[in-house]
Structures are given as C-alpha cells and as structure tokens.
C-alpha cells in the first residue's frame, strides 16, 4: 500500500510576503517621484524670531525686611 504523501509545502505564506514587498516598492517609487521630478524638498525660508520679555523680579520672602 502506498500512502499519498504531499511533500510540497503550500505557498500561501509567500503570497503575503510578495504583497508586502510589492507595497514597499510602490511606496519607494512614489517617494522617488516627489524627490526627483518635483525638485526635492521645498526651499526653506530664513525666519528670525526675537523674543524680548520684560524683566520680572521674584516676590519678597516674608520676614526678610524690605
């Protein structure tokens, strides 16, 4: 009697991996499009911020005099 033995593993796990790799390739292609075709990152503007606050003194501790 010969048993019907299937030594071929199923390829269901490879399909999920192929889908993930394909999605990564598509995302990288979209990023490359925006970087190379549209000229890279937008120009940055020089912004100078000067914050001047009034000097605030701490309140006197009770019992020290003044």
PDB file of N, CA and C in Angstrom:
ATOM      1  N   UNK A   1       0.821  -1.165   0.000  1.00  0.00           N
ATOM      2  CA  UNK A   1       0.000   0.000   0.000  1.00  0.00           C
ATOM      3  C   UNK A   1       0.880   1.248   0.000  1.00  0.00           C
ATOM      4  N   UNK A   2       0.517   2.126  -0.844  1.00  0.00           N
ATOM      5  CA  UNK A   2       1.257   3.386  -0.924  1.00  0.00           C
ATOM      6  C   UNK A   2       0.377   4.503  -0.382  1.00  0.00           C
ATOM      7  N   UNK A   3       0.942   5.228   0.528  1.00  0.00           N
ATOM      8  CA  UNK A   3       0.218   6.379   1.078  1.00  0.00           C
ATOM      9  C   UNK A   3       0.428   7.575   0.167  1.00  0.00           C
ATOM     10  N   UNK A   4      -0.595   8.398   0.082  1.00  0.00           N
ATOM     11  CA  UNK A   4      -0.490   9.604  -0.725  1.00  0.00           C
ATOM     12  C   UNK A   4       0.153  10.691   0.159  1.00  0.00           C
ATOM     13  N   UNK A   5       1.443  10.950  -0.052  1.00  0.00           N
ATOM     14  CA  UNK A   5       2.189  11.901   0.756  1.00  0.00           C
ATOM     15  C   UNK A   5       2.500  13.117  -0.108  1.00  0.00           C
ATOM     16  N   UNK A   6       2.150  14.277   0.407  1.00  0.00           N
ATOM     17  CA  UNK A   6       2.402  15.514  -0.318  1.00  0.00           C
ATOM     18  C   UNK A   6       3.562  16.216   0.376  1.00  0.00           C
ATOM     19  N   UNK A   7       4.728  16.206  -0.242  1.00  0.00           N
ATOM     20  CA  UNK A   7       5.914  16.832   0.333  1.00  0.00           C
ATOM     21  C   UNK A   7       6.068  18.290  -0.086  1.00  0.00           C
ATOM     22  N   UNK A   8       5.178  18.784  -0.910  1.00  0.00           N
ATOM     23  CA  UNK A   8       5.257  20.171  -1.356  1.00  0.00           C
ATOM     24  C   UNK A   8       4.535  21.060  -0.350  1.00  0.00           C
ATOM     25  N   UNK A   9       5.274  21.959   0.285  1.00  0.00           N
ATOM     26  CA  UNK A   9       4.589  22.864   1.226  1.00  0.00           C
ATOM     27  C   UNK A   9       3.717  23.862   0.470  1.00  0.00           C
ATOM     28  N   UNK A  10       2.709  24.340   1.140  1.00  0.00           N
ATOM     29  CA  UNK A  10       1.825  25.305   0.494  1.00  0.00           C
ATOM     30  C   UNK A  10       2.562  26.618   0.306  1.00  0.00           C
ATOM     31  N   UNK A  11       2.178  27.358  -0.705  1.00  0.00           N
ATOM     32  CA  UNK A  11       2.853  28.620  -1.000  1.00  0.00           C
ATOM     33  C   UNK A  11       2.024  29.809  -0.534  1.00  0.00           C
ATOM     34  N   UNK A  12       1.118  29.622   0.389  1.00  0.00           N
ATOM     35  CA  UNK A  12       0.262  30.704   0.866  1.00  0.00           C
ATOM     36  C   UNK A  12       1.029  31.776   1.619  1.00  0.00           C
ATOM     37  N   UNK A  13       2.065  31.411   2.351  1.00  0.00           N
ATOM     38  CA  UNK A  13       2.853  32.380   3.092  1.00  0.00           C
ATOM     39  C   UNK A  13       3.669  33.269   2.180  1.00  0.00           C
ATOM     40  N   UNK A  14       4.078  32.756   1.042  1.00  0.00           N
ATOM     41  CA  UNK A  14       4.874  33.537   0.113  1.00  0.00           C
ATOM     42  C   UNK A  14       4.053  34.620  -0.572  1.00  0.00           C
ATOM     43  N   UNK A  15       2.762  34.399  -0.703  1.00  0.00           N
ATOM     44  CA  UNK A  15       1.900  35.396  -1.336  1.00  0.00           C
ATOM     45  C   UNK A  15       1.817  36.656  -0.475  1.00  0.00           C
ATOM     46  N   UNK A  16       1.691  36.488   0.814  1.00  0.00           N
ATOM     47  CA  UNK A  16       1.653  37.639   1.718  1.00  0.00           C
ATOM     48  C   UNK A  16       2.960  38.408   1.697  1.00  0.00           C
ATOM     49  N   UNK A  17       4.065  37.702   1.679  1.00  0.00           N
ATOM     50  CA  UNK A  17       5.371  38.349   1.623  1.00  0.00           C
ATOM     51  C   UNK A  17       5.540  39.101   0.308  1.00  0.00           C
ATOM     52  N   UNK A  18       5.092  38.529  -0.783  1.00  0.00           N
ATOM     53  CA  UNK A  18       5.187  39.206  -2.078  1.00  0.00           C
ATOM     54  C   UNK A  18       4.331  40.472  -2.097  1.00  0.00           C
ATOM     55  N   UNK A  19       3.176  40.436  -1.461  1.00  0.00           N
ATOM     56  CA  UNK A  19       2.309  41.620  -1.376  1.00  0.00           C
ATOM     57  C   UNK A  19       2.987  42.728  -0.588  1.00  0.00           C
ATOM     58  N   UNK A  20       3.633  42.397   0.531  1.00  0.00           N
ATOM     59  CA  UNK A  20       4.323  43.386   1.356  1.00  0.00           C
ATOM     60  C   UNK A  20       5.504  43.990   0.600  1.00  0.00           C
ATOM     61  N   UNK A  21       6.290  43.163  -0.061  1.00  0.00           N
ATOM     62  CA  UNK A  21       7.435  43.662  -0.827  1.00  0.00           C
ATOM     63  C   UNK A  21       6.946  44.547  -1.969  1.00  0.00           C
ATOM     64  N   UNK A  22       5.878  44.181  -2.616  1.00  0.00           N
ATOM     65  CA  UNK A  22       5.319  45.000  -3.685  1.00  0.00           C
ATOM     66  C   UNK A  22       4.848  46.344  -3.184  1.00  0.00           C
ATOM     67  N   UNK A  23       4.229  46.372  -2.013  1.00  0.00           N
ATOM     68  CA  UNK A  23       3.765  47.637  -1.432  1.00  0.00           C
ATOM     69  C   UNK A  23       4.949  48.537  -1.088  1.00  0.00           C
ATOM     70  N   UNK A  24       6.029  47.959  -0.574  1.00  0.00           N
ATOM     71  CA  UNK A  24       7.227  48.745  -0.259  1.00  0.00           C
ATOM     72  C   UNK A  24       7.826  49.337  -1.523  1.00  0.00           C
ATOM     73  N   UNK A  25       7.859  48.573  -2.594  1.00  0.00           N
ATOM     74  CA  UNK A  25       8.394  49.063  -3.866  1.00  0.00           C
ATOM     75  C   UNK A  25       7.547  50.224  -4.390  1.00  0.00           C
ATOM     76  N   UNK A  26       6.244  50.115  -4.285  1.00  0.00           N
ATOM     77  CA  UNK A  26       5.365  51.188  -4.761  1.00  0.00           C
ATOM     78  C   UNK A  26       5.567  52.456  -3.922  1.00  0.00           C
ATOM     79  N   UNK A  27       5.673  52.320  -2.617  1.00  0.00           N
ATOM     80  CA  UNK A  27       5.883  53.480  -1.750  1.00  0.00           C
ATOM     81  C   UNK A  27       7.211  54.152  -2.081  1.00  0.00           C
ATOM     82  N   UNK A  28       8.262  53.372  -2.274  1.00  0.00           N
ATOM     83  CA  UNK A  28       9.556  53.949  -2.632  1.00  0.00           C
ATOM     84  C   UNK A  28       9.511  54.631  -3.993  1.00  0.00           C
ATOM     85  N   UNK A  29       8.745  54.099  -4.930  1.00  0.00           N
ATOM     86  CA  UNK A  29       8.615  54.729  -6.243  1.00  0.00           C
ATOM     87  C   UNK A  29       7.904  56.075  -6.128  1.00  0.00           C
ATOM     88  N   UNK A  30       6.886  56.157  -5.302  1.00  0.00           N
ATOM     89  CA  UNK A  30       6.168  57.426  -5.113  1.00  0.00           C
ATOM     90  C   UNK A  30       7.082  58.457  -4.457  1.00  0.00           C
ATOM     91  N   UNK A  31       7.841  58.051  -3.464  1.00  0.00           N
ATOM     92  CA  UNK A  31       8.782  58.968  -2.809  1.00  0.00           C
ATOM     93  C   UNK A  31       9.838  59.442  -3.801  1.00  0.00           C
ATOM     94  N   UNK A  32      10.370  58.533  -4.608  1.00  0.00           N
ATOM     95  CA  UNK A  32      11.373  58.916  -5.607  1.00  0.00           C
ATOM     96  C   UNK A  32      10.788  59.894  -6.618  1.00  0.00           C
ATOM     97  N   UNK A  33       9.532  59.729  -6.985  1.00  0.00           N
ATOM     98  CA  UNK A  33       8.888  60.652  -7.915  1.00  0.00           C
ATOM     99  C   UNK A  33       8.866  62.067  -7.344  1.00  0.00           C
ATOM    100  N   UNK A  34       8.435  62.188  -6.087  1.00  0.00           N
ATOM    101  CA  UNK A  34       8.346  63.515  -5.492  1.00  0.00           C
ATOM    102  C   UNK A  34       9.724  64.136  -5.282  1.00  0.00           C
ATOM    103  N   UNK A  35      10.725  63.324  -4.990  1.00  0.00           N
ATOM    104  CA  UNK A  35      12.059  63.858  -4.744  1.00  0.00           C
ATOM    105  C   UNK A  35      12.721  64.294  -6.044  1.00  0.00           C
ATOM    106  N   UNK A  36      12.673  63.463  -7.067  1.00  0.00           N
ATOM    107  CA  UNK A  36      13.426  63.740  -8.286  1.00  0.00           C
ATOM    108  C   UNK A  36      12.654  64.584  -9.296  1.00  0.00           C
ATOM    109  N   UNK A  37      11.384  64.336  -9.490  1.00  0.00           N
ATOM    110  CA  UNK A  37      10.620  65.049 -10.515  1.00  0.00           C
ATOM    111  C   UNK A  37      10.223  66.440 -10.029  1.00  0.00           C
ATOM    112  N   UNK A  38       9.803  66.539  -8.795  1.00  0.00           N
ATOM    113  CA  UNK A  38       9.317  67.823  -8.286  1.00  0.00           C
ATOM    114  C   UNK A  38      10.436  68.678  -7.703  1.00  0.00           C
ATOM    115  N   UNK A  39      11.660  68.240  -7.768  1.00  0.00           N
ATOM    116  CA  UNK A  39      12.783  69.057  -7.345  1.00  0.00           C
ATOM    117  C   UNK A  39      13.170  68.911  -5.890  1.00  0.00           C
ATOM    118  N   UNK A  40      12.778  67.862  -5.248  1.00  0.00           N
ATOM    119  CA  UNK A  40      13.186  67.636  -3.868  1.00  0.00           C
ATOM    120  C   UNK A  40      12.348  68.418  -2.876  1.00  0.00           C
ATOM    121  N   UNK A  41      12.947  68.673  -1.749  1.00  0.00           N
ATOM    122  CA  UNK A  41      12.241  69.374  -0.677  1.00  0.00           C
ATOM    123  C   UNK A  41      12.056  70.838  -1.048  1.00  0.00           C
ATOM    124  N   UNK A  42      10.992  71.452  -0.583  1.00  0.00           N
ATOM    125  CA  UNK A  42      10.779  72.873  -0.882  1.00  0.00           C
ATOM    126  C   UNK A  42      11.851  73.724  -0.210  1.00  0.00           C
ATOM    127  N   UNK A  43      12.070  74.903  -0.780  1.00  0.00           N
ATOM    128  CA  UNK A  43      13.067  75.804  -0.215  1.00  0.00           C
ATOM    129  C   UNK A  43      12.614  76.265   1.164  1.00  0.00           C
ATOM    130  N   UNK A  44      13.595  76.369   2.035  1.00  0.00           N
ATOM    131  CA  UNK A  44      13.264  76.831   3.381  1.00  0.00           C
ATOM    132  C   UNK A  44      13.462  78.341   3.462  1.00  0.00           C
ATOM    133  N   UNK A  45      12.629  78.984   4.221  1.00  0.00           N
ATOM    134  CA  UNK A  45      12.725  80.414   4.409  1.00  0.00           C
ATOM    135  C   UNK A  45      13.487  80.692   5.698  1.00  0.00           C
ATOM    136  N   UNK A  46      14.289  81.744   5.692  1.00  0.00           N
ATOM    137  CA  UNK A  46      15.011  82.116   6.890  1.00  0.00           C
ATOM    138  C   UNK A  46      14.078  82.940   7.766  1.00  0.00           C
ATOM    139  N   UNK A  47      13.827  82.436   8.945  1.00  0.00           N
ATOM    140  CA  UNK A  47      12.926  83.103   9.866  1.00  0.00           C
ATOM    141  C   UNK A  47      13.717  83.434  11.126  1.00  0.00           C
ATOM    142  N   UNK A  48      13.719  84.710  11.475  1.00  0.00           N
ATOM    143  CA  UNK A  48      14.392  85.127  12.693  1.00  0.00           C
ATOM    144  C   UNK A  48      13.336  85.512  13.723  1.00  0.00           C
ATOM    145  N   UNK A  49      13.436  84.942  14.892  1.00  0.00           N
ATOM    146  CA  UNK A  49      12.483  85.207  15.957  1.00  0.00           C
ATOM    147  C   UNK A  49      13.246  85.820  17.117  1.00  0.00           C
ATOM    148  N   UNK A  50      12.834  86.998  17.554  1.00  0.00           N
ATOM    149  CA  UNK A  50      13.457  87.672  18.682  1.00  0.00           C
ATOM    150  C   UNK A  50      12.386  87.889  19.744  1.00  0.00           C
ATOM    151  N   UNK A  51      12.532  87.207  20.847  1.00  0.00           N
ATOM    152  CA  UNK A  51      11.542  87.303  21.915  1.00  0.00           C
ATOM    153  C   UNK A  51      12.162  88.077  23.063  1.00  0.00           C
ATOM    154  N   UNK A  52      11.613  89.259  23.341  1.00  0.00           N
ATOM    155  CA  UNK A  52      12.096  90.077  24.449  1.00  0.00           C
ATOM    156  C   UNK A  52      10.967  90.172  25.472  1.00  0.00           C
ATOM    157  N   UNK A  53      11.249  89.637  26.644  1.00  0.00           N
ATOM    158  CA  UNK A  53      10.257  89.654  27.718  1.00  0.00           C
ATOM    159  C   UNK A  53      10.672  90.672  28.763  1.00  0.00           C
ATOM    160  N   UNK A  54       9.709  91.303  29.426  1.00  0.00           N
ATOM    161  CA  UNK A  54      10.072  92.247  30.489  1.00  0.00           C
ATOM    162  C   UNK A  54      10.681  91.495  31.663  1.00  0.00           C
ATOM    163  N   UNK A  55      11.607  92.172  32.333  1.00  0.00           N
ATOM    164  CA  UNK A  55      12.251  91.537  33.481  1.00  0.00           C
ATOM    165  C   UNK A  55      11.268  91.501  34.642  1.00  0.00           C
ATOM    166  N   UNK A  56      11.122  90.348  35.226  1.00  0.00           N
ATOM    167  CA  UNK A  56      10.189  90.157  36.330  1.00  0.00           C
ATOM    168  C   UNK A  56      11.000  89.739  37.542  1.00  0.00           C
ATOM    169  N   UNK A  57      10.834  90.484  38.649  1.00  0.00           N
ATOM    170  CA  UNK A  57      11.563  90.121  39.874  1.00  0.00           C
ATOM    171  C   UNK A  57      10.693  89.192  40.711  1.00  0.00           C
ATOM    172  N   UNK A  58      11.366  88.379  41.480  1.00  0.00           N
ATOM    173  CA  UNK A  58      10.659  87.440  42.347  1.00  0.00           C
ATOM    174  C   UNK A  58      10.054  88.192  43.529  1.00  0.00           C
ATOM    175  N   UNK A  59       8.954  87.730  44.081  1.00  0.00           N
ATOM    176  CA  UNK A  59       8.350  88.405  45.245  1.00  0.00           C
ATOM    177  C   UNK A  59       9.244  88.274  46.479  1.00  0.00           C
ATOM    178  N   UNK A  60       9.123  89.242  47.384  1.00  0.00           N
ATOM    179  CA  UNK A  60       9.920  89.235  48.604  1.00  0.00           C
ATOM    180  C   UNK A  60       9.462  88.087  49.530  1.00  0.00           C
ATOM    181  N   UNK A  61      10.429  87.494  50.198  1.00  0.00           N
ATOM    182  CA  UNK A  61      10.127  86.445  51.165  1.00  0.00           C
ATOM    183  C   UNK A  61       9.652  87.128  52.452  1.00  0.00           C
ATOM    184  N   UNK A  62       8.536  86.673  53.004  1.00  0.00           N
ATOM    185  CA  UNK A  62       8.015  87.322  54.224  1.00  0.00           C
ATOM    186  C   UNK A  62       9.018  87.234  55.379  1.00  0.00           C
ATOM    187  N   UNK A  63       9.157  88.348  56.110  1.00  0.00           N
ATOM    188  CA  UNK A  63      10.005  88.372  57.290  1.00  0.00           C
ATOM    189  C   UNK A  63      11.442  88.713  57.002  1.00  0.00           C
ATOM    190  N   UNK A  64      11.792  89.124  55.777  1.00  0.00           N
ATOM    191  CA  UNK A  64      13.190  89.451  55.484  1.00  0.00           C
ATOM    192  C   UNK A  64      13.447  90.943  55.551  1.00  0.00           C
ATOM    193  N   UNK A  65      12.458  91.741  55.761  1.00  0.00           N
ATOM    194  CA  UNK A  65      12.685  93.170  55.875  1.00  0.00           C
ATOM    195  C   UNK A  65      12.021  93.936  54.754  1.00  0.00           C
ATOM    196  N   UNK A  66      12.722  94.414  53.843  1.00  0.00           N
ATOM    197  CA  UNK A  66      12.265  95.305  52.780  1.00  0.00           C
ATOM    198  C   UNK A  66      10.905  94.931  52.345  1.00  0.00           C
TER     199      UNK A  66
END
